[in-house]
Amino acid sequence: MVKIDDADALDRIAAIEGQAWLDLQHRSKENPYGFFHFLAAWKAKLEGELAHDPEISWKEYLEGGDGAIYGAGGYHRYVVSDAGVIGFSSFHAREENRAKALAEGFDLV
């Protein structure tokens, strides 16, 4: 299991997506389909006034995007649950990439 706020979460995704994807994440932290955008929304919920309100999802802090972190080329999708667990979309991947995701500790969704 990989959570959005795990210290190595970004590196685990990069192990699947590659160095160019990782470089792009660092260059475009405001990208609504990028890792840092999701991490910022997660932290905003945890640190905000509504942190203890179960009726408010951290996803309400996301601006733009469609609720998924996109992999290299926009093919893979990483979906973050309300518990902060990052899932790897089976629908958006070939079998060999599903195996890589499992090896990196991602749940398949």
C-alpha atoms as a PDB file:
ATOM      1  CA  MET A   1       0.000   0.000   0.000  1.00  0.00           C
ATOM      2  CA  VAL A   2       1.271   3.430  -0.986  1.00  0.00           C
ATOM      3  CA  LYS A   3      -0.237   6.593   0.500  1.00  0.00           C
ATOM      4  CA  ILE A   4      -0.114  10.048  -1.068  1.00  0.00           C
ATOM      5  CA  ASP A   5       1.878  11.432   1.868  1.00  0.00           C
ATOM      6  CA  ASP A   6       4.409   8.588   2.095  1.00  0.00           C
ATOM      7  CA  ALA A   7       7.922   9.981   1.777  1.00  0.00           C
ATOM      8  CA  ASP A   8       8.645   7.643  -1.146  1.00  0.00           C
ATOM      9  CA  ALA A   9       5.271   7.844  -2.951  1.00  0.00           C
ATOM     10  CA  LEU A  10       6.573  10.063  -5.760  1.00  0.00           C
ATOM     11  CA  ASP A  11       9.619   7.837  -6.261  1.00  0.00           C
ATOM     12  CA  ARG A  12       7.423   4.740  -6.420  1.00  0.00           C
ATOM     13  CA  ILE A  13       5.327   6.241  -9.191  1.00  0.00           C
ATOM     14  CA  ALA A  14       8.510   7.376 -10.956  1.00  0.00           C
ATOM     15  CA  ALA A  15       9.826   3.793 -10.830  1.00  0.00           C
ATOM     16  CA  ILE A  16       6.948   2.947 -13.175  1.00  0.00           C
ATOM     17  CA  GLU A  17       6.712   6.174 -15.184  1.00  0.00           C
ATOM     18  CA  GLY A  18      10.388   7.039 -15.625  1.00  0.00           C
ATOM     19  CA  GLN A  19      12.777   9.930 -15.083  1.00  0.00           C
ATOM     20  CA  ALA A  20      11.216  12.258 -17.685  1.00  0.00           C
ATOM     21  CA  TRP A  21       7.871  11.988 -15.876  1.00  0.00           C
ATOM     22  CA  LEU A  22       9.563  12.714 -12.547  1.00  0.00           C
ATOM     23  CA  ASP A  23      11.343  15.756 -13.994  1.00  0.00           C
ATOM     24  CA  LEU A  24       8.026  17.049 -15.326  1.00  0.00           C
ATOM     25  CA  GLN A  25       6.434  16.707 -11.878  1.00  0.00           C
ATOM     26  CA  HIS A  26       9.124  18.935 -10.387  1.00  0.00           C
ATOM     27  CA  ARG A  27       8.830  21.494 -13.212  1.00  0.00           C
ATOM     28  CA  SER A  28       5.039  21.802 -13.161  1.00  0.00           C
ATOM     29  CA  LYS A  29       3.844  21.489  -9.574  1.00  0.00           C
ATOM     30  CA  GLU A  30       0.534  23.221 -10.355  1.00  0.00           C
ATOM     31  CA  ASN A  31      -0.453  20.662 -13.017  1.00  0.00           C
ATOM     32  CA  PRO A  32      -3.972  19.471 -12.060  1.00  0.00           C
ATOM     33  CA  TYR A  33      -3.014  15.946 -13.173  1.00  0.00           C
ATOM     34  CA  GLY A  34       0.292  15.934 -11.306  1.00  0.00           C
ATOM     35  CA  PHE A  35       1.455  14.402  -8.050  1.00  0.00           C
ATOM     36  CA  PHE A  36       2.179  17.669  -6.247  1.00  0.00           C
ATOM     37  CA  HIS A  37      -1.302  19.031  -6.973  1.00  0.00           C
ATOM     38  CA  PHE A  38      -2.827  16.007  -5.243  1.00  0.00           C
ATOM     39  CA  LEU A  39      -0.379  16.140  -2.354  1.00  0.00           C
ATOM     40  CA  ALA A  40      -1.168  19.829  -1.766  1.00  0.00           C
ATOM     41  CA  ALA A  41      -4.917  19.097  -1.697  1.00  0.00           C
ATOM     42  CA  TRP A  42      -4.366  16.222   0.750  1.00  0.00           C
ATOM     43  CA  LYS A  43      -2.298  18.428   3.057  1.00  0.00           C
ATOM     44  CA  ALA A  44      -4.799  21.291   2.812  1.00  0.00           C
ATOM     45  CA  LYS A  45      -7.561  19.025   4.092  1.00  0.00           C
ATOM     46  CA  LEU A  46      -5.428  17.618   6.909  1.00  0.00           C
ATOM     47  CA  GLU A  47      -4.242  21.034   8.038  1.00  0.00           C
ATOM     48  CA  GLY A  48      -7.460  22.984   7.412  1.00  0.00           C
ATOM     49  CA  GLU A  49     -10.388  23.924   9.596  1.00  0.00           C
ATOM     50  CA  LEU A  50     -12.386  21.006   8.219  1.00  0.00           C
ATOM     51  CA  ALA A  51      -9.758  18.371   8.965  1.00  0.00           C
ATOM     52  CA  HIS A  52     -12.009  16.453  11.323  1.00  0.00           C
ATOM     53  CA  ASP A  53     -15.204  16.731   9.303  1.00  0.00           C
ATOM     54  CA  PRO A  54     -15.809  13.321   7.672  1.00  0.00           C
ATOM     55  CA  GLU A  55     -18.449  14.871   5.413  1.00  0.00           C
ATOM     56  CA  ILE A  56     -15.784  16.908   3.601  1.00  0.00           C
ATOM     57  CA  SER A  57     -13.533  14.935   1.265  1.00  0.00           C
ATOM     58  CA  TRP A  58      -9.970  16.057   0.653  1.00  0.00           C
ATOM     59  CA  LYS A  59     -10.903  15.950  -3.046  1.00  0.00           C
ATOM     60  CA  GLU A  60     -12.906  19.137  -2.537  1.00  0.00           C
ATOM     61  CA  TYR A  61      -9.532  20.869  -2.242  1.00  0.00           C
ATOM     62  CA  LEU A  62      -8.567  19.788  -5.776  1.00  0.00           C
ATOM     63  CA  GLU A  63      -8.940  22.433  -8.445  1.00  0.00           C
ATOM     64  CA  GLY A  64      -9.182  21.168 -11.999  1.00  0.00           C
ATOM     65  CA  GLY A  65      -8.222  17.753 -13.308  1.00  0.00           C
ATOM     66  CA  ASP A  66     -10.429  14.708 -13.248  1.00  0.00           C
ATOM     67  CA  GLY A  67      -9.454  13.060  -9.990  1.00  0.00           C
ATOM     68  CA  ALA A  68      -6.430  11.095 -11.194  1.00  0.00           C
ATOM     69  CA  ILE A  69      -2.685  11.570 -11.268  1.00  0.00           C
ATOM     70  CA  TYR A  70      -1.618  10.918 -14.841  1.00  0.00           C
ATOM     71  CA  GLY A  71       1.413   8.830 -15.709  1.00  0.00           C
ATOM     72  CA  ALA A  72       3.847   9.506 -18.570  1.00  0.00           C
ATOM     73  CA  GLY A  73       1.973  10.456 -21.720  1.00  0.00           C
ATOM     74  CA  GLY A  74      -1.309  10.483 -19.795  1.00  0.00           C
ATOM     75  CA  TYR A  75      -1.812   6.748 -20.214  1.00  0.00           C
ATOM     76  CA  HIS A  76      -1.593   5.394 -16.668  1.00  0.00           C
ATOM     77  CA  ARG A  77      -3.896   6.705 -13.959  1.00  0.00           C
ATOM     78  CA  TYR A  78      -3.234   6.774 -10.227  1.00  0.00           C
ATOM     79  CA  VAL A  79      -6.381   7.266  -8.153  1.00  0.00           C
ATOM     80  CA  VAL A  80      -6.163   8.488  -4.557  1.00  0.00           C
ATOM     81  CA  SER A  81      -8.799   7.209  -2.143  1.00  0.00           C
ATOM     82  CA  ASP A  82     -10.366   9.161   0.716  1.00  0.00           C
ATOM     83  CA  ALA A  83      -7.912   7.340   2.986  1.00  0.00           C
ATOM     84  CA  GLY A  84      -4.990   8.661   0.932  1.00  0.00           C
ATOM     85  CA  VAL A  85      -4.135   5.295  -0.631  1.00  0.00           C
ATOM     86  CA  ILE A  86      -2.875   5.524  -4.204  1.00  0.00           C
ATOM     87  CA  GLY A  87      -4.392   2.930  -6.496  1.00  0.00           C
ATOM     88  CA  PHE A  88      -3.115   2.045  -9.963  1.00  0.00           C
ATOM     89  CA  SER A  89      -5.889   1.849 -12.564  1.00  0.00           C
ATOM     90  CA  SER A  90      -5.918  -1.609 -14.151  1.00  0.00           C
ATOM     91  CA  PHE A  91      -8.112  -0.318 -16.942  1.00  0.00           C
ATOM     92  CA  HIS A  92      -5.432   2.138 -18.086  1.00  0.00           C
ATOM     93  CA  ALA A  93      -2.492  -0.284 -18.201  1.00  0.00           C
ATOM     94  CA  ARG A  94      -1.042  -3.314 -19.908  1.00  0.00           C
ATOM     95  CA  GLU A  95      -0.355  -6.471 -17.915  1.00  0.00           C
ATOM     96  CA  GLU A  96       3.387  -5.822 -17.561  1.00  0.00           C
ATOM     97  CA  ASN A  97       2.688  -2.395 -16.091  1.00  0.00           C
ATOM     98  CA  ARG A  98       0.150  -3.807 -13.662  1.00  0.00           C
ATOM     99  CA  ALA A  99       2.885  -6.166 -12.478  1.00  0.00           C
ATOM    100  CA  LYS A 100       5.278  -3.210 -12.003  1.00  0.00           C
ATOM    101  CA  ALA A 101       2.641  -1.355  -9.998  1.00  0.00           C
ATOM    102  CA  LEU A 102       2.075  -4.333  -7.735  1.00  0.00           C
ATOM    103  CA  ALA A 103       5.819  -4.723  -7.241  1.00  0.00           C
ATOM    104  CA  GLU A 104       6.005  -1.067  -6.159  1.00  0.00           C
ATOM    105  CA  GLY A 105       3.251  -1.675  -3.600  1.00  0.00           C
ATOM    106  CA  PHE A 106       0.268  -0.070  -5.350  1.00  0.00           C
ATOM    107  CA  ASP A 107      -3.201  -1.507  -5.041  1.00  0.00           C
ATOM    108  CA  LEU A 108      -4.923  -2.190  -8.374  1.00  0.00           C
ATOM    109  CA  VAL A 109      -8.230  -0.385  -8.810  1.00  0.00           C
END
